[in-house]
Amino acid sequence: MSLILQIETATTVCSVALSENGHLLVYKEIQQRNVHAEVITLFIDEVLKTAGRQYHELSAVAVSCGPGSYTGLRIGISVTKGLCYSLDIPFIAIETLEAMTDGMLSENTFDNEVLLCPMIDARRMEVFTAVFDAEGNKIKPTSAEIIDENSFADLLKTNKIIFFGDGAAKCSDILGVSANTRIVSDFQNSARYLTKKAAEKFLAKDFEDTAYFEPYYLKDFIAGKKSV
């Protein structure tokens, strides 16, 4: 049996979930900038209490490891390391774009010719993105890209592409509207979407080195002013 705490802090969403043997039990989340450090431990306490579980019952902690917000990732990884150290349990890392794709696939059914393109806002017209097929296999590697009207021209010739995530909403005007383009502007990240891969990695004992693991930043950190 596996009782896995799941943490998602890679974007503006701060989300915590609890799953058992690959089945979601409970989750708690909020979409708001700059609150992750304030609420994440409270959310963890709350999901455990709601599920009637204790910290010592946890089998592992899974975390969305990036790409995404530098600060958000640092918070999520730090909390995960602290829990794994103190409880002496495994650390599971899951790429954020892969978790987003699992989330989209868990709530929708797509034809084989459809491709999925999760996008995370990376400032200005740049996004963190990758492309997956309708079975969740990555066919275009994760990258930081500046989006223009030709970014996916070759793929759009023969495939329908579903663009989703806060990066897709930001780039909707550039991506345009065509028969092969669909933009899902209301999709948001969630720790719920870590459930499938967390269970798979736990069974395979695909764990990270808690002491040395670093978030998947993909590009250098650029400091900015906090919004008021």
C-alpha atoms as a PDB file:
ATOM      1  CA  MET A   1       0.000   0.000   0.000  1.00  0.00           C
ATOM      2  CA  SER A   2       1.098   3.557  -0.697  1.00  0.00           C
ATOM      3  CA  LEU A   3      -0.145   6.760   0.874  1.00  0.00           C
ATOM      4  CA  ILE A   4       1.436   9.612  -1.079  1.00  0.00           C
ATOM      5  CA  LEU A   5       1.348  13.330  -0.327  1.00  0.00           C
ATOM      6  CA  GLN A   6       1.428  15.367  -3.550  1.00  0.00           C
ATOM      7  CA  ILE A   7       2.605  18.986  -3.835  1.00  0.00           C
ATOM      8  CA  GLU A   8       2.170  21.410  -6.755  1.00  0.00           C
ATOM      9  CA  THR A   9       3.714  24.896  -6.511  1.00  0.00           C
ATOM     10  CA  ALA A  10       5.224  25.412  -9.983  1.00  0.00           C
ATOM     11  CA  THR A  11       2.759  28.132 -11.045  1.00  0.00           C
ATOM     12  CA  THR A  12       0.345  30.567  -9.392  1.00  0.00           C
ATOM     13  CA  VAL A  13      -1.573  27.557  -8.071  1.00  0.00           C
ATOM     14  CA  CYS A  14      -0.607  26.224  -4.651  1.00  0.00           C
ATOM     15  CA  SER A  15      -2.075  22.743  -4.390  1.00  0.00           C
ATOM     16  CA  VAL A  16      -1.749  19.734  -2.094  1.00  0.00           C
ATOM     17  CA  ALA A  17      -3.339  16.318  -2.562  1.00  0.00           C
ATOM     18  CA  LEU A  18      -3.318  12.932  -0.884  1.00  0.00           C
ATOM     19  CA  SER A  19      -3.612   9.663  -2.801  1.00  0.00           C
ATOM     20  CA  GLU A  20      -3.642   6.026  -1.817  1.00  0.00           C
ATOM     21  CA  ASN A  21      -2.639   3.242  -4.201  1.00  0.00           C
ATOM     22  CA  GLY A  22      -3.103   5.539  -7.179  1.00  0.00           C
ATOM     23  CA  HIS A  23      -6.523   6.861  -6.113  1.00  0.00           C
ATOM     24  CA  LEU A  24      -7.101  10.476  -5.110  1.00  0.00           C
ATOM     25  CA  LEU A  25      -8.414  10.854  -1.556  1.00  0.00           C
ATOM     26  CA  VAL A  26      -8.552  14.612  -0.981  1.00  0.00           C
ATOM     27  CA  TYR A  27      -7.010  17.847  -2.187  1.00  0.00           C
ATOM     28  CA  LYS A  28      -6.789  21.523  -1.265  1.00  0.00           C
ATOM     29  CA  GLU A  29      -5.691  24.362  -3.543  1.00  0.00           C
ATOM     30  CA  ILE A  30      -5.750  28.076  -4.245  1.00  0.00           C
ATOM     31  CA  GLN A  31      -4.849  30.083  -7.352  1.00  0.00           C
ATOM     32  CA  GLN A  32      -3.151  33.220  -6.114  1.00  0.00           C
ATOM     33  CA  ARG A  33       0.299  34.696  -6.564  1.00  0.00           C
ATOM     34  CA  ASN A  34       2.844  34.887  -3.752  1.00  0.00           C
ATOM     35  CA  VAL A  35       0.926  32.889  -1.139  1.00  0.00           C
ATOM     36  CA  HIS A  36       2.630  29.498  -1.480  1.00  0.00           C
ATOM     37  CA  ALA A  37       4.969  29.912   1.492  1.00  0.00           C
ATOM     38  CA  GLU A  38       2.105  31.114   3.681  1.00  0.00           C
ATOM     39  CA  VAL A  39      -0.412  28.360   2.997  1.00  0.00           C
ATOM     40  CA  ILE A  40       1.359  25.185   1.893  1.00  0.00           C
ATOM     41  CA  THR A  41       1.973  23.686   5.353  1.00  0.00           C
ATOM     42  CA  LEU A  42      -1.565  24.605   6.365  1.00  0.00           C
ATOM     43  CA  PHE A  43      -2.902  22.805   3.294  1.00  0.00           C
ATOM     44  CA  ILE A  44      -0.835  19.717   4.119  1.00  0.00           C
ATOM     45  CA  ASP A  45      -2.202  19.630   7.660  1.00  0.00           C
ATOM     46  CA  GLU A  46      -5.727  20.074   6.330  1.00  0.00           C
ATOM     47  CA  VAL A  47      -5.663  17.296   3.711  1.00  0.00           C
ATOM     48  CA  LEU A  48      -4.250  14.830   6.238  1.00  0.00           C
ATOM     49  CA  LYS A  49      -6.862  15.817   8.806  1.00  0.00           C
ATOM     50  CA  THR A  50      -9.682  15.585   6.246  1.00  0.00           C
ATOM     51  CA  ALA A  51      -8.538  12.119   5.216  1.00  0.00           C
ATOM     52  CA  GLY A  52      -8.146  11.021   8.842  1.00  0.00           C
ATOM     53  CA  ARG A  53      -4.445  10.278   8.374  1.00  0.00           C
ATOM     54  CA  GLN A  54      -1.233  11.101  10.245  1.00  0.00           C
ATOM     55  CA  TYR A  55       2.174  12.180   8.982  1.00  0.00           C
ATOM     56  CA  HIS A  56       3.778   8.911  10.087  1.00  0.00           C
ATOM     57  CA  GLU A  57       1.426   6.997   7.758  1.00  0.00           C
ATOM     58  CA  LEU A  58       2.854   8.626   4.613  1.00  0.00           C
ATOM     59  CA  SER A  59       4.748   6.326   2.247  1.00  0.00           C
ATOM     60  CA  ALA A  60       6.319   9.082   0.104  1.00  0.00           C
ATOM     61  CA  VAL A  61       6.027  12.699  -0.980  1.00  0.00           C
ATOM     62  CA  ALA A  62       5.662  13.570  -4.675  1.00  0.00           C
ATOM     63  CA  VAL A  63       6.323  17.085  -5.938  1.00  0.00           C
ATOM     64  CA  SER A  64       5.887  18.902  -9.230  1.00  0.00           C
ATOM     65  CA  CYS A  65       9.528  19.696  -9.973  1.00  0.00           C
ATOM     66  CA  GLY A  66       9.328  22.133 -12.896  1.00  0.00           C
ATOM     67  CA  PRO A  67       9.718  23.900 -15.125  1.00  0.00           C
ATOM     68  CA  GLY A  68       7.830  26.801 -13.642  1.00  0.00           C
ATOM     69  CA  SER A  69       8.119  29.637 -11.159  1.00  0.00           C
ATOM     70  CA  TYR A  70      11.574  29.817  -9.574  1.00  0.00           C
ATOM     71  CA  THR A  71      10.200  30.837  -6.185  1.00  0.00           C
ATOM     72  CA  GLY A  72       7.274  28.433  -6.295  1.00  0.00           C
ATOM     73  CA  LEU A  73       9.526  25.502  -7.157  1.00  0.00           C
ATOM     74  CA  ARG A  74      11.957  26.363  -4.357  1.00  0.00           C
ATOM     75  CA  ILE A  75       9.100  26.362  -1.864  1.00  0.00           C
ATOM     76  CA  GLY A  76       7.633  23.059  -3.024  1.00  0.00           C
ATOM     77  CA  ILE A  77      10.978  21.283  -3.180  1.00  0.00           C
ATOM     78  CA  SER A  78      12.077  22.625   0.213  1.00  0.00           C
ATOM     79  CA  VAL A  79       8.888  21.450   1.914  1.00  0.00           C
ATOM     80  CA  THR A  80       9.172  18.054   0.224  1.00  0.00           C
ATOM     81  CA  LYS A  81      12.777  17.640   1.347  1.00  0.00           C
ATOM     82  CA  GLY A  82      11.898  18.601   4.903  1.00  0.00           C
ATOM     83  CA  LEU A  83       9.096  16.041   5.072  1.00  0.00           C
ATOM     84  CA  CYS A  84      11.123  13.273   3.448  1.00  0.00           C
ATOM     85  CA  TYR A  85      14.064  13.878   5.798  1.00  0.00           C
ATOM     86  CA  SER A  86      12.000  14.043   8.964  1.00  0.00           C
ATOM     87  CA  LEU A  87       9.788  11.066   8.103  1.00  0.00           C
ATOM     88  CA  ASP A  88      12.543   9.053   6.380  1.00  0.00           C
ATOM     89  CA  ILE A  89      10.383   8.388   3.326  1.00  0.00           C
ATOM     90  CA  PRO A  90      11.089   8.521  -0.450  1.00  0.00           C
ATOM     91  CA  PHE A  91      11.164  11.694  -2.547  1.00  0.00           C
ATOM     92  CA  ILE A  92       9.320  11.488  -5.895  1.00  0.00           C
ATOM     93  CA  ALA A  93       9.790  14.189  -8.564  1.00  0.00           C
ATOM     94  CA  ILE A  94       7.379  14.638 -11.462  1.00  0.00           C
ATOM     95  CA  GLU A  95       7.886  17.040 -14.354  1.00  0.00           C
ATOM     96  CA  THR A  96       5.196  19.717 -14.279  1.00  0.00           C
ATOM     97  CA  LEU A  97       4.297  19.588 -17.985  1.00  0.00           C
ATOM     98  CA  GLU A  98       3.883  15.805 -17.802  1.00  0.00           C
ATOM     99  CA  ALA A  99       1.560  16.155 -14.817  1.00  0.00           C
ATOM    100  CA  MET A 100      -0.467  18.808 -16.645  1.00  0.00           C
ATOM    101  CA  THR A 101      -0.859  16.463 -19.596  1.00  0.00           C
ATOM    102  CA  ASP A 102      -1.978  13.616 -17.326  1.00  0.00           C
ATOM    103  CA  GLY A 103      -4.532  16.007 -15.876  1.00  0.00           C
ATOM    104  CA  MET A 104      -5.893  16.939 -19.286  1.00  0.00           C
ATOM    105  CA  LEU A 105      -6.064  13.281 -20.334  1.00  0.00           C
ATOM    106  CA  SER A 106      -7.781  12.256 -17.102  1.00  0.00           C
ATOM    107  CA  GLU A 107     -10.671  14.636 -17.788  1.00  0.00           C
ATOM    108  CA  ASN A 108     -11.009  14.328 -21.579  1.00  0.00           C
ATOM    109  CA  THR A 109     -10.918  11.782 -24.405  1.00  0.00           C
ATOM    110  CA  PHE A 110      -9.063  12.716 -27.591  1.00  0.00           C
ATOM    111  CA  ASP A 111      -8.713  11.189 -31.057  1.00  0.00           C
ATOM    112  CA  ASN A 112      -5.329   9.807 -32.066  1.00  0.00           C
ATOM    113  CA  GLU A 113      -4.529  12.743 -34.339  1.00  0.00           C
ATOM    114  CA  VAL A 114      -4.817  15.213 -31.457  1.00  0.00           C
ATOM    115  CA  LEU A 115      -1.650  16.528 -29.804  1.00  0.00           C
ATOM    116  CA  LEU A 116      -1.481  18.139 -26.376  1.00  0.00           C
ATOM    117  CA  CYS A 117       0.659  21.195 -25.717  1.00  0.00           C
ATOM    118  CA  PRO A 118       0.829  22.348 -22.071  1.00  0.00           C
ATOM    119  CA  MET A 119       2.253  25.838 -21.597  1.00  0.00           C
ATOM    120  CA  ILE A 120       3.514  27.610 -18.494  1.00  0.00           C
ATOM    121  CA  ASP A 121       3.989  31.377 -18.515  1.00  0.00           C
ATOM    122  CA  ALA A 122       7.712  32.221 -18.474  1.00  0.00           C
ATOM    123  CA  ARG A 123       7.497  36.046 -18.815  1.00  0.00           C
ATOM    124  CA  ARG A 124       6.799  38.190 -21.867  1.00  0.00           C
ATOM    125  CA  MET A 125       5.952  35.944 -24.852  1.00  0.00           C
ATOM    126  CA  GLU A 126       8.111  33.062 -23.621  1.00  0.00           C
ATOM    127  CA  VAL A 127       6.626  29.836 -22.296  1.00  0.00           C
ATOM    128  CA  PHE A 128       7.816  26.511 -20.931  1.00  0.00           C
ATOM    129  CA  THR A 129       6.272  23.906 -23.185  1.00  0.00           C
ATOM    130  CA  ALA A 130       6.401  20.424 -24.706  1.00  0.00           C
ATOM    131  CA  VAL A 131       4.160  18.393 -27.007  1.00  0.00           C
ATOM    132  CA  PHE A 132       2.520  15.062 -26.186  1.00  0.00           C
ATOM    133  CA  ASP A 133       0.426  12.625 -28.180  1.00  0.00           C
ATOM    134  CA  ALA A 134      -3.070  11.506 -27.166  1.00  0.00           C
ATOM    135  CA  GLU A 135      -1.598   8.718 -25.009  1.00  0.00           C
ATOM    136  CA  GLY A 136       0.626  11.052 -23.027  1.00  0.00           C
ATOM    137  CA  ASN A 137       3.902  10.229 -24.784  1.00  0.00           C
ATOM    138  CA  LYS A 138       6.232  13.203 -25.198  1.00  0.00           C
ATOM    139  CA  ILE A 139       6.969  13.828 -28.892  1.00  0.00           C
ATOM    140  CA  LYS A 140       8.591  17.258 -28.583  1.00  0.00           C
ATOM    141  CA  PRO A 141      11.010  17.855 -25.698  1.00  0.00           C
ATOM    142  CA  THR A 142      10.501  20.347 -22.904  1.00  0.00           C
ATOM    143  CA  SER A 143      11.884  23.760 -23.776  1.00  0.00           C
ATOM    144  CA  ALA A 144      11.595  27.490 -23.114  1.00  0.00           C
ATOM    145  CA  GLU A 145      10.273  29.075 -26.310  1.00  0.00           C
ATOM    146  CA  ILE A 146       9.311  32.530 -27.529  1.00  0.00           C
ATOM    147  CA  ILE A 147       6.003  31.949 -29.274  1.00  0.00           C
ATOM    148  CA  ASP A 148       5.208  33.423 -32.685  1.00  0.00           C
ATOM    149  CA  GLU A 149       2.725  32.599 -35.428  1.00  0.00           C
ATOM    150  CA  ASN A 150       5.053  29.944 -36.897  1.00  0.00           C
ATOM    151  CA  SER A 151       5.922  28.118 -33.666  1.00  0.00           C
ATOM    152  CA  PHE A 152       3.758  25.044 -34.374  1.00  0.00           C
ATOM    153  CA  ALA A 153       3.132  25.460 -38.096  1.00  0.00           C
ATOM    154  CA  ASP A 154       4.583  22.103 -39.125  1.00  0.00           C
ATOM    155  CA  LEU A 155       2.613  20.111 -36.545  1.00  0.00           C
ATOM    156  CA  LEU A 156      -0.618  21.969 -37.293  1.00  0.00           C
ATOM    157  CA  LYS A 157      -0.467  20.887 -40.932  1.00  0.00           C
ATOM    158  CA  THR A 158      -1.314  17.309 -39.986  1.00  0.00           C
ATOM    159  CA  ASN A 159      -2.563  17.433 -36.388  1.00  0.00           C
ATOM    160  CA  LYS A 160      -5.027  19.164 -34.147  1.00  0.00           C
ATOM    161  CA  ILE A 161      -3.285  20.704 -31.142  1.00  0.00           C
ATOM    162  CA  ILE A 162      -4.836  21.446 -27.761  1.00  0.00           C
ATOM    163  CA  PHE A 163      -2.957  24.318 -26.095  1.00  0.00           C
ATOM    164  CA  PHE A 164      -3.578  24.680 -22.359  1.00  0.00           C
ATOM    165  CA  GLY A 165      -2.155  26.280 -19.230  1.00  0.00           C
ATOM    166  CA  ASP A 166      -1.548  29.919 -18.306  1.00  0.00           C
ATOM    167  CA  GLY A 167       1.051  30.219 -21.073  1.00  0.00           C
ATOM    168  CA  ALA A 168      -1.506  29.204 -23.694  1.00  0.00           C
ATOM    169  CA  ALA A 169      -3.987  31.803 -22.477  1.00  0.00           C
ATOM    170  CA  LYS A 170      -1.277  34.460 -22.702  1.00  0.00           C
ATOM    171  CA  CYS A 171      -0.362  33.455 -26.270  1.00  0.00           C
ATOM    172  CA  SER A 172      -3.896  32.946 -27.580  1.00  0.00           C
ATOM    173  CA  ASP A 173      -3.797  35.914 -29.965  1.00  0.00           C
ATOM    174  CA  ILE A 174      -0.501  34.784 -31.502  1.00  0.00           C
ATOM    175  CA  LEU A 175      -1.481  31.122 -31.749  1.00  0.00           C
ATOM    176  CA  GLY A 176      -4.599  32.229 -33.580  1.00  0.00           C
ATOM    177  CA  VAL A 177      -7.782  30.401 -34.393  1.00  0.00           C
ATOM    178  CA  SER A 178      -7.891  27.636 -36.983  1.00  0.00           C
ATOM    179  CA  ALA A 179      -9.588  24.291 -37.545  1.00  0.00           C
ATOM    180  CA  ASN A 180      -6.596  22.541 -35.981  1.00  0.00           C
ATOM    181  CA  THR A 181      -6.088  24.874 -33.019  1.00  0.00           C
ATOM    182  CA  ARG A 182      -7.922  24.779 -29.704  1.00  0.00           C
ATOM    183  CA  ILE A 183      -6.949  26.889 -26.704  1.00  0.00           C
ATOM    184  CA  VAL A 184      -8.136  25.867 -23.246  1.00  0.00           C
ATOM    185  CA  SER A 185      -7.817  29.074 -21.263  1.00  0.00           C
ATOM    186  CA  ASP A 186      -9.310  27.915 -17.968  1.00  0.00           C
ATOM    187  CA  PHE A 187      -6.989  24.972 -17.244  1.00  0.00           C
ATOM    188  CA  GLN A 188      -5.009  25.263 -14.025  1.00  0.00           C
ATOM    189  CA  ASN A 189      -2.377  23.059 -12.431  1.00  0.00           C
ATOM    190  CA  SER A 190      -3.298  20.798  -9.544  1.00  0.00           C
ATOM    191  CA  ALA A 191      -1.583  18.351  -7.227  1.00  0.00           C
ATOM    192  CA  ARG A 192      -4.384  15.956  -8.233  1.00  0.00           C
ATOM    193  CA  TYR A 193      -2.640  15.495 -11.569  1.00  0.00           C
ATOM    194  CA  LEU A 194       0.450  13.993  -9.923  1.00  0.00           C
ATOM    195  CA  THR A 195      -1.516  10.922  -8.818  1.00  0.00           C
ATOM    196  CA  LYS A 196      -0.895   8.637 -11.797  1.00  0.00           C
ATOM    197  CA  LYS A 197       2.845   9.171 -12.105  1.00  0.00           C
ATOM    198  CA  ALA A 198       3.370   9.251  -8.343  1.00  0.00           C
ATOM    199  CA  ALA A 199       1.862   5.764  -8.045  1.00  0.00           C
ATOM    200  CA  GLU A 200       3.881   4.485 -11.014  1.00  0.00           C
ATOM    201  CA  LYS A 201       7.148   5.863  -9.666  1.00  0.00           C
ATOM    202  CA  PHE A 202       6.465   4.526  -6.186  1.00  0.00           C
ATOM    203  CA  LEU A 203       5.893   0.998  -7.511  1.00  0.00           C
ATOM    204  CA  ALA A 204       9.032   1.240  -9.654  1.00  0.00           C
ATOM    205  CA  LYS A 205      10.999   2.676  -6.701  1.00  0.00           C
ATOM    206  CA  ASP A 206      11.957   5.591  -8.934  1.00  0.00           C
ATOM    207  CA  PHE A 207      13.052   7.919  -6.147  1.00  0.00           C
ATOM    208  CA  GLU A 208      15.291  10.998  -6.011  1.00  0.00           C
ATOM    209  CA  ASP A 209      18.262  11.742  -3.787  1.00  0.00           C
ATOM    210  CA  THR A 210      16.634  13.970  -1.189  1.00  0.00           C
ATOM    211  CA  ALA A 211      19.870  15.739  -0.289  1.00  0.00           C
ATOM    212  CA  TYR A 212      20.979  16.699  -3.785  1.00  0.00           C
ATOM    213  CA  PHE A 213      17.825  17.064  -5.857  1.00  0.00           C
ATOM    214  CA  GLU A 214      17.301  20.448  -7.526  1.00  0.00           C
ATOM    215  CA  PRO A 215      14.192  21.785  -9.274  1.00  0.00           C
ATOM    216  CA  TYR A 216      13.977  21.675 -13.073  1.00  0.00           C
ATOM    217  CA  TYR A 217      14.374  25.414 -13.675  1.00  0.00           C
ATOM    218  CA  LEU A 218      15.108  25.136 -17.422  1.00  0.00           C
ATOM    219  CA  LYS A 219      16.377  28.721 -17.531  1.00  0.00           C
ATOM    220  CA  ASP A 220      18.143  31.182 -15.244  1.00  0.00           C
ATOM    221  CA  PHE A 221      16.247  33.064 -12.569  1.00  0.00           C
ATOM    222  CA  ILE A 222      15.420  36.714 -13.284  1.00  0.00           C
ATOM    223  CA  ALA A 223      14.484  38.763 -10.228  1.00  0.00           C
ATOM    224  CA  GLY A 224      11.356  40.889 -10.383  1.00  0.00           C
ATOM    225  CA  LYS A 225       9.330  43.139  -8.152  1.00  0.00           C
ATOM    226  CA  LYS A 226       6.500  41.668  -6.129  1.00  0.00           C
ATOM    227  CA  SER A 227       3.068  42.803  -7.281  1.00  0.00           C
ATOM    228  CA  VAL A 228       1.164  45.018  -4.865  1.00  0.00           C
END
